[in-house]
Amino acid sequence: MIIISRQEIFSNRLKDLHSGVIAPFPEKRTKSGEAGGERSRLNNPQMRPGTMRELQNLASFLMSGGCDWLSGQSIYMDGAAYLAHGGNFYGLREWDDAQWQMARERIEAHNAQDRAKRL
C-alpha cells in the first residue's frame, strides 16, 4: 500500500495523480449449511457473485493511460445491487397477484381514511 500525504497530492510533483477507490460490497460470511455465493444468486439482479476477473478488468482500466480524465470516483462493482436495492423494493419482484391485490386494497383503504379526515 502506498501512502501519500495530502500535501504531496496537491503539490506540483504529483499533479497527474488520480485518486480513487475500487469498492466492491463487503463479502458476507456464509451461514451454516449455506453454499458460498448463495445469497448473491438469490438477491443480486445478475443472480451470481462477481468474479476476480471482473475486478481485474476494472483495475486494469483504471490504471491504463486511457483513463486520465476519471478522478476520485466510486465505481460500484455489485452486479447492479445498489440500483436494484436502493429503494428496498427488490423483494417485491417475488410477490404474486394476491399479494399485490392485498397491498392495493390496503393503500386504497388508507387513502379513503385520509380523505375522510380532510372533509
N, C-alpha and C. Protein backbone atom coordinates (compact mmCIF):
# COMPACT_ATOMS: atom_id res chain seq x y z
N MET A 1 0.85 -1.18 0.00
CA MET A 1 0.00 0.00 0.00
C MET A 1 0.89 1.23 0.00
N ILE A 2 0.59 2.17 -0.85
CA ILE A 2 1.34 3.42 -0.93
C ILE A 2 0.54 4.49 -0.21
N ILE A 3 1.16 5.16 0.74
CA ILE A 3 0.50 6.23 1.47
C ILE A 3 1.13 7.55 1.04
N ILE A 4 0.28 8.46 0.58
CA ILE A 4 0.75 9.75 0.10
C ILE A 4 0.05 10.83 0.92
N SER A 5 0.82 11.78 1.41
CA SER A 5 0.23 12.84 2.22
C SER A 5 -0.60 13.78 1.37
N ARG A 6 -1.52 14.46 2.02
CA ARG A 6 -2.38 15.43 1.33
C ARG A 6 -1.53 16.53 0.69
N GLN A 7 -0.48 16.94 1.39
CA GLN A 7 0.39 17.99 0.86
C GLN A 7 1.03 17.52 -0.45
N GLU A 8 1.47 16.26 -0.49
CA GLU A 8 2.09 15.74 -1.71
C GLU A 8 1.10 15.65 -2.86
N ILE A 9 -0.14 15.29 -2.56
CA ILE A 9 -1.14 15.16 -3.61
C ILE A 9 -1.38 16.49 -4.29
N PHE A 10 -1.41 17.58 -3.51
CA PHE A 10 -1.71 18.88 -4.08
C PHE A 10 -0.46 19.62 -4.57
N SER A 11 0.69 19.03 -4.42
CA SER A 11 1.90 19.69 -4.91
C SER A 11 2.04 19.44 -6.41
N ASN A 12 2.87 20.21 -7.04
CA ASN A 12 3.09 20.07 -8.48
C ASN A 12 3.77 18.76 -8.83
N ARG A 13 4.48 18.17 -7.88
CA ARG A 13 5.20 16.93 -8.18
C ARG A 13 4.24 15.80 -8.54
N LEU A 14 3.05 15.79 -7.97
CA LEU A 14 2.10 14.71 -8.21
C LEU A 14 0.83 15.22 -8.89
N LYS A 15 0.99 16.15 -9.81
CA LYS A 15 -0.19 16.78 -10.43
C LYS A 15 -1.02 15.81 -11.25
N ASP A 16 -0.42 14.70 -11.69
CA ASP A 16 -1.16 13.74 -12.52
C ASP A 16 -1.72 12.57 -11.71
N LEU A 17 -1.65 12.65 -10.39
CA LEU A 17 -2.16 11.58 -9.55
C LEU A 17 -3.68 11.58 -9.57
N HIS A 18 -4.26 10.43 -9.80
CA HIS A 18 -5.72 10.28 -9.83
C HIS A 18 -6.11 9.34 -8.69
N SER A 19 -6.63 9.91 -7.63
CA SER A 19 -7.02 9.05 -6.51
C SER A 19 -8.42 8.52 -6.76
N GLY A 20 -8.67 7.33 -6.33
CA GLY A 20 -9.97 6.69 -6.47
C GLY A 20 -9.97 5.39 -5.70
N VAL A 21 -11.10 4.76 -5.66
CA VAL A 21 -11.24 3.54 -4.88
C VAL A 21 -12.02 2.52 -5.70
N ILE A 22 -11.58 1.30 -5.67
CA ILE A 22 -12.38 0.19 -6.20
C ILE A 22 -13.02 -0.42 -4.97
N ALA A 23 -14.34 -0.34 -4.90
CA ALA A 23 -15.02 -0.71 -3.66
C ALA A 23 -16.14 -1.71 -3.89
N PRO A 24 -15.81 -2.99 -4.03
CA PRO A 24 -16.90 -3.96 -4.09
C PRO A 24 -17.57 -4.06 -2.74
N PHE A 25 -18.83 -4.47 -2.74
CA PHE A 25 -19.53 -4.63 -1.46
C PHE A 25 -18.79 -5.64 -0.62
N PRO A 26 -18.80 -5.47 0.69
CA PRO A 26 -18.09 -6.41 1.55
C PRO A 26 -18.64 -7.81 1.43
N GLU A 27 -17.76 -8.76 1.44
CA GLU A 27 -18.16 -10.17 1.37
C GLU A 27 -18.77 -10.58 2.69
N LYS A 28 -19.90 -11.24 2.62
CA LYS A 28 -20.55 -11.71 3.84
C LYS A 28 -20.18 -13.17 4.05
N ARG A 29 -20.00 -13.54 5.27
CA ARG A 29 -19.70 -14.94 5.57
C ARG A 29 -20.94 -15.79 5.35
N THR A 30 -20.71 -17.00 4.94
CA THR A 30 -21.83 -17.90 4.74
C THR A 30 -22.34 -18.40 6.08
N LYS A 31 -23.62 -18.67 6.12
CA LYS A 31 -24.23 -19.26 7.30
C LYS A 31 -24.01 -20.77 7.26
N SER A 32 -24.19 -21.41 8.37
CA SER A 32 -24.03 -22.85 8.44
C SER A 32 -24.96 -23.52 7.43
N GLY A 33 -24.41 -24.38 6.60
CA GLY A 33 -25.20 -25.10 5.61
C GLY A 33 -25.48 -24.33 4.33
N GLU A 34 -24.99 -23.10 4.23
CA GLU A 34 -25.24 -22.27 3.05
C GLU A 34 -24.04 -22.35 2.10
N ALA A 35 -24.33 -22.53 0.84
CA ALA A 35 -23.27 -22.59 -0.15
C ALA A 35 -22.71 -21.19 -0.39
N GLY A 36 -21.42 -21.10 -0.69
CA GLY A 36 -20.81 -19.81 -0.98
C GLY A 36 -21.47 -19.15 -2.18
N GLY A 37 -21.81 -17.87 -2.06
CA GLY A 37 -22.44 -17.11 -3.13
C GLY A 37 -23.94 -17.32 -3.24
N GLU A 38 -24.53 -18.11 -2.35
CA GLU A 38 -25.97 -18.40 -2.42
C GLU A 38 -26.82 -17.13 -2.28
N ARG A 39 -26.48 -16.26 -1.33
CA ARG A 39 -27.25 -15.02 -1.18
C ARG A 39 -27.12 -14.13 -2.40
N SER A 40 -25.94 -14.13 -3.04
CA SER A 40 -25.78 -13.33 -4.26
C SER A 40 -26.69 -13.85 -5.36
N ARG A 41 -26.79 -15.15 -5.48
CA ARG A 41 -27.66 -15.72 -6.51
C ARG A 41 -29.14 -15.37 -6.24
N LEU A 42 -29.51 -15.30 -4.98
CA LEU A 42 -30.90 -15.01 -4.64
C LEU A 42 -31.24 -13.52 -4.68
N ASN A 43 -30.30 -12.66 -4.30
CA ASN A 43 -30.60 -11.24 -4.10
C ASN A 43 -29.98 -10.30 -5.11
N ASN A 44 -29.17 -10.78 -6.01
CA ASN A 44 -28.49 -9.92 -6.95
C ASN A 44 -29.19 -9.95 -8.31
N PRO A 45 -29.37 -8.81 -8.97
CA PRO A 45 -30.01 -8.81 -10.28
C PRO A 45 -29.32 -9.71 -11.30
N GLN A 46 -28.01 -9.88 -11.18
CA GLN A 46 -27.31 -10.76 -12.11
C GLN A 46 -27.33 -12.22 -11.64
N MET A 47 -27.86 -12.44 -10.46
CA MET A 47 -28.05 -13.77 -9.90
C MET A 47 -26.75 -14.58 -9.79
N ARG A 48 -25.68 -13.85 -9.45
CA ARG A 48 -24.39 -14.52 -9.25
C ARG A 48 -23.45 -13.57 -8.51
N PRO A 49 -22.46 -14.11 -7.84
CA PRO A 49 -21.45 -13.23 -7.26
C PRO A 49 -20.50 -12.74 -8.35
N GLY A 50 -19.81 -11.65 -8.07
CA GLY A 50 -18.82 -11.16 -9.02
C GLY A 50 -17.60 -12.07 -9.05
N THR A 51 -16.78 -11.90 -10.08
CA THR A 51 -15.59 -12.72 -10.22
C THR A 51 -14.33 -11.86 -10.08
N MET A 52 -13.25 -12.50 -9.74
CA MET A 52 -11.97 -11.79 -9.64
C MET A 52 -11.58 -11.23 -11.00
N ARG A 53 -11.90 -11.91 -12.08
CA ARG A 53 -11.58 -11.43 -13.42
C ARG A 53 -12.26 -10.08 -13.70
N GLU A 54 -13.51 -9.92 -13.24
CA GLU A 54 -14.21 -8.65 -13.44
C GLU A 54 -13.53 -7.53 -12.65
N LEU A 55 -13.09 -7.82 -11.45
CA LEU A 55 -12.37 -6.83 -10.65
C LEU A 55 -11.03 -6.49 -11.30
N GLN A 56 -10.35 -7.49 -11.83
CA GLN A 56 -9.07 -7.26 -12.50
C GLN A 56 -9.26 -6.38 -13.74
N ASN A 57 -10.35 -6.61 -14.48
CA ASN A 57 -10.61 -5.79 -15.67
C ASN A 57 -10.82 -4.33 -15.30
N LEU A 58 -11.56 -4.07 -14.24
CA LEU A 58 -11.77 -2.70 -13.80
C LEU A 58 -10.46 -2.06 -13.36
N ALA A 59 -9.67 -2.79 -12.58
CA ALA A 59 -8.39 -2.26 -12.11
C ALA A 59 -7.47 -1.95 -13.30
N SER A 60 -7.45 -2.81 -14.29
CA SER A 60 -6.63 -2.57 -15.48
C SER A 60 -7.07 -1.31 -16.20
N PHE A 61 -8.36 -1.14 -16.34
CA PHE A 61 -8.89 0.07 -17.00
C PHE A 61 -8.51 1.32 -16.22
N LEU A 62 -8.69 1.29 -14.90
CA LEU A 62 -8.40 2.47 -14.09
C LEU A 62 -6.92 2.84 -14.08
N MET A 63 -6.06 1.85 -14.24
CA MET A 63 -4.62 2.12 -14.25
C MET A 63 -4.09 2.43 -15.64
N SER A 64 -4.92 2.27 -16.67
CA SER A 64 -4.45 2.47 -18.03
C SER A 64 -4.32 3.96 -18.36
N GLY A 65 -3.61 4.25 -19.40
CA GLY A 65 -3.44 5.62 -19.86
C GLY A 65 -4.71 6.20 -20.47
N GLY A 66 -5.66 5.35 -20.81
CA GLY A 66 -6.90 5.82 -21.41
C GLY A 66 -7.94 6.27 -20.40
N CYS A 67 -7.53 6.38 -19.15
CA CYS A 67 -8.47 6.70 -18.09
C CYS A 67 -8.03 7.95 -17.32
N ASP A 68 -7.29 8.84 -17.98
CA ASP A 68 -6.73 10.00 -17.29
C ASP A 68 -7.77 10.99 -16.79
N TRP A 69 -8.91 11.08 -17.42
CA TRP A 69 -9.91 12.09 -17.06
C TRP A 69 -10.73 11.68 -15.85
N LEU A 70 -10.76 10.41 -15.53
CA LEU A 70 -11.54 9.91 -14.40
C LEU A 70 -10.75 10.10 -13.11
N SER A 71 -11.31 10.85 -12.17
CA SER A 71 -10.60 11.12 -10.92
C SER A 71 -11.56 11.04 -9.74
N GLY A 72 -11.15 10.36 -8.69
CA GLY A 72 -11.87 10.36 -7.43
C GLY A 72 -13.30 9.85 -7.50
N GLN A 73 -13.58 8.87 -8.32
CA GLN A 73 -14.94 8.35 -8.46
C GLN A 73 -15.10 7.05 -7.69
N SER A 74 -16.33 6.79 -7.31
CA SER A 74 -16.67 5.49 -6.71
C SER A 74 -17.39 4.69 -7.78
N ILE A 75 -16.86 3.53 -8.09
CA ILE A 75 -17.45 2.66 -9.10
C ILE A 75 -17.94 1.42 -8.37
N TYR A 76 -19.24 1.21 -8.40
CA TYR A 76 -19.82 0.08 -7.69
C TYR A 76 -19.71 -1.18 -8.53
N MET A 77 -19.06 -2.18 -8.00
CA MET A 77 -18.97 -3.48 -8.64
C MET A 77 -19.83 -4.43 -7.84
N ASP A 78 -21.12 -4.39 -8.11
CA ASP A 78 -22.04 -5.17 -7.27
C ASP A 78 -23.15 -5.83 -8.09
N GLY A 79 -22.96 -5.93 -9.41
CA GLY A 79 -23.97 -6.59 -10.23
C GLY A 79 -25.30 -5.87 -10.24
N ALA A 80 -25.29 -4.56 -10.10
CA ALA A 80 -26.47 -3.68 -10.09
C ALA A 80 -27.27 -3.79 -8.80
N ALA A 81 -26.72 -4.38 -7.76
CA ALA A 81 -27.43 -4.50 -6.48
C ALA A 81 -27.76 -3.13 -5.90
N TYR A 82 -26.83 -2.18 -6.00
CA TYR A 82 -27.07 -0.84 -5.47
C TYR A 82 -28.29 -0.20 -6.15
N LEU A 83 -28.38 -0.35 -7.46
CA LEU A 83 -29.51 0.22 -8.19
C LEU A 83 -30.80 -0.51 -7.86
N ALA A 84 -30.75 -1.82 -7.77
CA ALA A 84 -31.96 -2.61 -7.52
C ALA A 84 -32.45 -2.47 -6.08
N HIS A 85 -31.53 -2.41 -5.14
CA HIS A 85 -31.92 -2.39 -3.73
C HIS A 85 -31.98 -0.99 -3.14
N GLY A 86 -31.64 0.02 -3.92
CA GLY A 86 -31.58 1.37 -3.39
C GLY A 86 -32.88 1.83 -2.74
N GLY A 87 -34.01 1.43 -3.28
CA GLY A 87 -35.29 1.81 -2.69
C GLY A 87 -35.90 0.70 -1.86
N ASN A 88 -35.17 -0.38 -1.69
CA ASN A 88 -35.62 -1.54 -0.92
C ASN A 88 -36.87 -2.19 -1.50
N PHE A 89 -37.07 -2.12 -2.81
CA PHE A 89 -38.24 -2.72 -3.44
C PHE A 89 -37.92 -4.02 -4.18
N TYR A 90 -36.67 -4.44 -4.15
CA TYR A 90 -36.25 -5.60 -4.94
C TYR A 90 -37.01 -6.87 -4.54
N GLY A 91 -37.34 -7.01 -3.27
CA GLY A 91 -38.06 -8.19 -2.81
C GLY A 91 -39.47 -8.29 -3.37
N LEU A 92 -40.02 -7.17 -3.83
CA LEU A 92 -41.38 -7.17 -4.37
C LEU A 92 -41.49 -7.93 -5.69
N ARG A 93 -40.38 -8.22 -6.32
CA ARG A 93 -40.42 -8.93 -7.59
C ARG A 93 -40.99 -10.33 -7.44
N GLU A 94 -40.99 -10.84 -6.22
CA GLU A 94 -41.47 -12.20 -5.98
C GLU A 94 -42.94 -12.24 -5.54
N TRP A 95 -43.57 -11.08 -5.40
CA TRP A 95 -44.98 -11.05 -4.99
C TRP A 95 -45.86 -11.67 -6.08
N ASP A 96 -46.89 -12.38 -5.64
CA ASP A 96 -47.88 -12.90 -6.59
C ASP A 96 -49.04 -11.91 -6.71
N ASP A 97 -50.00 -12.25 -7.56
CA ASP A 97 -51.12 -11.33 -7.80
C ASP A 97 -51.93 -11.06 -6.53
N ALA A 98 -52.10 -12.07 -5.69
CA ALA A 98 -52.89 -11.89 -4.47
C ALA A 98 -52.21 -10.90 -3.52
N GLN A 99 -50.89 -10.96 -3.41
CA GLN A 99 -50.17 -10.03 -2.55
C GLN A 99 -50.27 -8.61 -3.08
N TRP A 100 -50.18 -8.44 -4.40
CA TRP A 100 -50.32 -7.11 -4.99
C TRP A 100 -51.73 -6.57 -4.77
N GLN A 101 -52.73 -7.44 -4.90
CA GLN A 101 -54.11 -7.02 -4.69
C GLN A 101 -54.33 -6.59 -3.24
N MET A 102 -53.76 -7.36 -2.28
CA MET A 102 -53.90 -7.01 -0.87
C MET A 102 -53.23 -5.66 -0.58
N ALA A 103 -52.06 -5.43 -1.15
CA ALA A 103 -51.37 -4.15 -0.95
C ALA A 103 -52.19 -3.01 -1.53
N ARG A 104 -52.76 -3.23 -2.72
CA ARG A 104 -53.58 -2.19 -3.36
C ARG A 104 -54.80 -1.86 -2.49
N GLU A 105 -55.44 -2.88 -1.96
CA GLU A 105 -56.62 -2.65 -1.12
C GLU A 105 -56.26 -1.89 0.16
N ARG A 106 -55.14 -2.23 0.77
CA ARG A 106 -54.72 -1.54 1.99
C ARG A 106 -54.41 -0.07 1.71
N ILE A 107 -53.75 0.19 0.58
CA ILE A 107 -53.43 1.56 0.21
C ILE A 107 -54.72 2.35 -0.04
N GLU A 108 -55.64 1.76 -0.78
CA GLU A 108 -56.90 2.44 -1.06
C GLU A 108 -57.69 2.71 0.22
N ALA A 109 -57.70 1.77 1.17
CA ALA A 109 -58.40 1.97 2.44
C ALA A 109 -57.75 3.10 3.23
N HIS A 110 -56.43 3.14 3.25
CA HIS A 110 -55.71 4.20 3.95
C HIS A 110 -55.99 5.55 3.30
N ASN A 111 -55.99 5.59 1.98
CA ASN A 111 -56.30 6.84 1.27
C ASN A 111 -57.71 7.32 1.59
N ALA A 112 -58.66 6.39 1.66
CA ALA A 112 -60.05 6.76 1.99
C ALA A 112 -60.13 7.36 3.39
N GLN A 113 -59.39 6.78 4.34
CA GLN A 113 -59.38 7.33 5.70
C GLN A 113 -58.79 8.75 5.70
N ASP A 114 -57.72 8.95 4.96
CA ASP A 114 -57.11 10.29 4.88
C ASP A 114 -58.08 11.31 4.29
N ARG A 115 -58.78 10.90 3.22
CA ARG A 115 -59.75 11.80 2.57
C ARG A 115 -60.87 12.17 3.55
N ALA A 116 -61.35 11.18 4.31
CA ALA A 116 -62.45 11.43 5.26
C ALA A 116 -62.02 12.42 6.34
N LYS A 117 -60.77 12.39 6.76
CA LYS A 117 -60.27 13.31 7.78
C LYS A 117 -60.19 14.74 7.24
N ARG A 118 -59.98 14.88 5.96
CA ARG A 118 -59.84 16.22 5.38
C ARG A 118 -61.17 16.90 5.14
N LEU A 119 -62.24 16.14 5.05
CA LEU A 119 -63.56 16.71 4.75
C LEU A 119 -64.21 17.31 5.94
